[in-house]
Amino acid sequence: MYHSVLLPTDGTRLSLRALEHALDIAVTYEAALHTLYVVDPASSHNAADDGFADAELAFELLEREGKQALEAAEAEADRVRIPFVGAIRTDSRVPHAIQGYARENGIDLIVMGTHGRRGLNRWLAGSVAETVVRTADVPVLTVRDRPESKQDSSRTLTASGSGHH
């Protein structure tokens, strides 16, 4: 069913959670994992406007962040022995870059987090995910952040602890 799974990443904890899902699907279907990091040049200019040294240095930092995110995904793909393809693209229209990559590479499924970081730290990924979901030519699996609170833990414990013996 799935031969190529795309994980757009921004290097956040939520992207790592999405990576877990993408890896599970890729292993199950013996699919290749494609990981894409999109550098938005507007982010580097915004960083310069916010007092960062200069836009060129900010852009280089974003590219370095992308390389680190791809290396982390590649290490996990290697660990579970699935084919890996990593790419960095520059585009101020992040959803457009994701969809273009998916079309060009025959992607069958996109797996992505629903929220990211802003400005220098990354895209407005909530709107990125929403746009990709609405306009993608292939299925999109979105991964939400899981709150780690006592209330959630107690609900889980209550639900699992109330089983019949």
Protein backbone atom coordinates (compact mmCIF):
# COMPACT_ATOMS: atom_id res chain seq x y z
CA MET A 1 0.00 0.00 0.00
CA TYR A 2 2.78 2.47 0.93
CA HIS A 3 6.11 2.42 -0.87
CA SER A 4 7.36 5.90 0.06
CA VAL A 5 6.53 7.80 3.24
CA LEU A 6 7.39 11.49 3.59
CA LEU A 7 8.18 13.08 6.94
CA PRO A 8 8.43 16.87 6.74
CA THR A 9 10.48 17.81 9.82
CA ASP A 10 11.40 20.95 11.68
CA GLY A 11 13.57 19.22 14.26
CA THR A 12 11.13 19.67 17.14
CA ARG A 13 10.04 17.09 19.71
CA LEU A 14 6.73 16.81 17.86
CA SER A 15 8.59 16.01 14.63
CA LEU A 16 10.34 13.20 16.50
CA ARG A 17 6.93 11.85 17.56
CA ALA A 18 5.80 12.02 13.93
CA LEU A 19 9.03 10.21 13.00
CA GLU A 20 8.01 7.32 15.28
CA HIS A 21 4.75 6.94 13.34
CA ALA A 22 6.47 7.29 9.96
CA LEU A 23 9.03 4.64 10.91
CA ASP A 24 6.33 2.25 12.11
CA ILE A 25 4.45 2.60 8.83
CA ALA A 26 7.64 2.33 6.76
CA VAL A 27 8.68 -0.84 8.58
CA THR A 28 5.20 -2.36 8.30
CA TYR A 29 4.99 -1.76 4.55
CA GLU A 30 8.72 -2.08 3.80
CA ALA A 31 8.60 1.48 2.49
CA ALA A 32 11.34 4.05 2.07
CA LEU A 33 11.36 7.00 4.47
CA HIS A 34 11.83 10.39 2.86
CA THR A 35 12.56 13.22 5.26
CA LEU A 36 12.25 16.84 4.15
CA TYR A 37 13.38 19.98 5.92
CA VAL A 38 12.23 23.24 4.36
CA VAL A 39 14.24 26.39 5.00
CA ASP A 40 11.99 29.41 4.76
CA PRO A 41 14.20 32.35 3.73
CA ALA A 42 11.66 34.73 5.28
CA SER A 43 12.50 33.21 8.68
CA SER A 44 16.12 34.28 8.34
CA HIS A 45 15.06 37.81 7.36
CA ASN A 46 12.62 37.94 10.29
CA ALA A 47 15.44 36.88 12.60
CA ALA A 48 17.60 39.72 11.28
CA ASP A 49 14.72 42.15 11.86
CA ASP A 50 14.42 40.82 15.43
CA GLY A 51 18.01 41.77 16.17
CA PHE A 52 19.83 38.65 15.00
CA ALA A 53 23.27 39.42 13.50
CA ASP A 54 22.31 39.08 9.84
CA ALA A 55 19.95 37.21 7.57
CA GLU A 56 22.73 35.20 5.91
CA LEU A 57 23.98 33.83 9.22
CA ALA A 58 20.40 33.07 10.30
CA PHE A 59 19.85 31.20 7.03
CA GLU A 60 23.01 29.14 7.62
CA LEU A 61 21.80 28.28 11.12
CA LEU A 62 18.47 27.11 9.71
CA GLU A 63 20.29 24.93 7.16
CA ARG A 64 22.47 23.47 9.94
CA GLU A 65 19.34 22.77 12.00
CA GLY A 66 17.89 20.99 8.94
CA LYS A 67 20.99 18.83 8.51
CA GLN A 68 20.82 17.82 12.17
CA ALA A 69 17.13 16.93 11.86
CA LEU A 70 17.85 14.81 8.78
CA GLU A 71 20.78 13.07 10.48
CA ALA A 72 18.57 12.17 13.45
CA ALA A 73 15.90 10.73 11.13
CA GLU A 74 18.50 8.85 9.11
CA ALA A 75 19.96 7.28 12.27
CA GLU A 76 16.50 6.01 13.23
CA ALA A 77 15.83 4.69 9.71
CA ASP A 78 19.18 2.89 9.78
CA ARG A 79 18.33 1.43 13.20
CA VAL A 80 15.17 -0.19 11.83
CA ARG A 81 16.82 -0.98 8.48
CA ILE A 82 14.61 0.94 6.09
CA PRO A 83 15.76 2.95 3.06
CA PHE A 84 16.23 6.65 3.80
CA VAL A 85 16.23 9.72 1.58
CA GLY A 86 16.88 13.15 3.11
CA ALA A 87 16.41 16.51 1.46
CA ILE A 88 16.61 20.18 2.33
CA ARG A 89 14.68 22.67 0.22
CA THR A 90 14.50 26.43 0.34
CA ASP A 91 11.02 27.84 -0.16
CA SER A 92 9.00 30.53 1.58
CA ARG A 93 5.86 28.51 0.78
CA VAL A 94 6.50 25.50 3.03
CA PRO A 95 3.29 23.57 2.14
CA HIS A 96 4.09 24.09 -1.55
CA ALA A 97 7.59 22.66 -1.03
CA ILE A 98 6.18 19.63 0.80
CA GLN A 99 3.59 18.94 -1.90
CA GLY A 100 6.12 19.45 -4.69
CA TYR A 101 8.53 17.03 -3.09
CA ALA A 102 5.74 14.48 -2.62
CA ARG A 103 4.72 14.70 -6.31
CA GLU A 104 8.29 14.59 -7.62
CA ASN A 105 9.21 11.55 -5.53
CA GLY A 106 6.08 9.41 -5.80
CA ILE A 107 5.23 9.74 -2.12
CA ASP A 108 2.27 7.60 -1.00
CA LEU A 109 1.78 9.06 2.50
CA ILE A 110 2.81 12.23 4.35
CA VAL A 111 3.30 12.00 8.13
CA MET A 112 3.73 15.29 9.98
CA GLY A 113 3.26 17.04 13.30
CA THR A 114 0.46 19.52 13.76
CA HIS A 115 2.47 22.25 15.49
CA GLY A 116 5.95 23.62 15.12
CA ARG A 117 8.07 26.51 16.22
CA ARG A 118 7.90 30.13 15.04
CA GLY A 119 10.38 32.56 13.51
CA LEU A 120 14.03 31.58 13.54
CA ASN A 121 13.08 28.36 15.32
CA ARG A 122 10.83 27.23 12.45
CA TRP A 123 7.60 27.35 10.54
CA LEU A 124 4.13 28.18 11.62
CA ALA A 125 3.58 24.45 11.30
CA GLY A 126 -0.01 24.43 12.54
CA SER A 127 -1.02 26.30 9.42
CA VAL A 128 1.49 24.32 7.36
CA ALA A 129 -0.08 21.02 8.44
CA GLU A 130 -3.57 22.37 7.87
CA THR A 131 -2.70 23.52 4.36
CA VAL A 132 -1.02 20.22 3.50
CA VAL A 133 -4.02 18.24 4.78
CA ARG A 134 -6.42 20.35 2.71
CA THR A 135 -4.43 20.34 -0.52
CA ALA A 136 -2.26 17.20 -0.68
CA ASP A 137 -2.77 14.65 -3.44
CA VAL A 138 -1.93 11.78 -1.06
CA PRO A 139 -3.13 10.80 2.42
CA VAL A 140 -1.71 12.86 5.31
CA LEU A 141 -1.32 11.47 8.81
CA THR A 142 -1.04 14.25 11.38
CA VAL A 143 0.48 13.67 14.79
CA ARG A 144 -0.63 15.83 17.70
CA ASP A 145 1.48 16.59 20.70
CA ARG A 146 0.63 14.49 23.71
CA PRO A 147 0.32 16.53 26.91
CA GLU A 148 2.23 15.00 29.80
CA SER A 149 0.01 15.95 32.72
CA LYS A 150 -1.14 14.24 35.89
CA GLN A 151 -4.73 14.38 34.66
CA ASP A 152 -3.81 12.47 31.48
CA SER A 153 -1.79 9.93 33.48
CA SER A 154 -4.60 9.35 35.96
CA ARG A 155 -7.10 8.89 33.15
CA THR A 156 -4.87 6.30 31.58
CA LEU A 157 -4.32 4.54 34.90
CA THR A 158 -8.02 4.65 35.72
CA ALA A 159 -8.98 3.27 32.33
CA SER A 160 -6.39 0.51 32.40
CA GLY A 161 -6.87 -0.17 36.10
CA SER A 162 -10.61 -0.60 35.88
CA GLY A 163 -10.52 -3.69 33.72
CA HIS A 164 -12.35 -6.87 34.61
CA HIS A 165 -10.52 -9.76 36.28
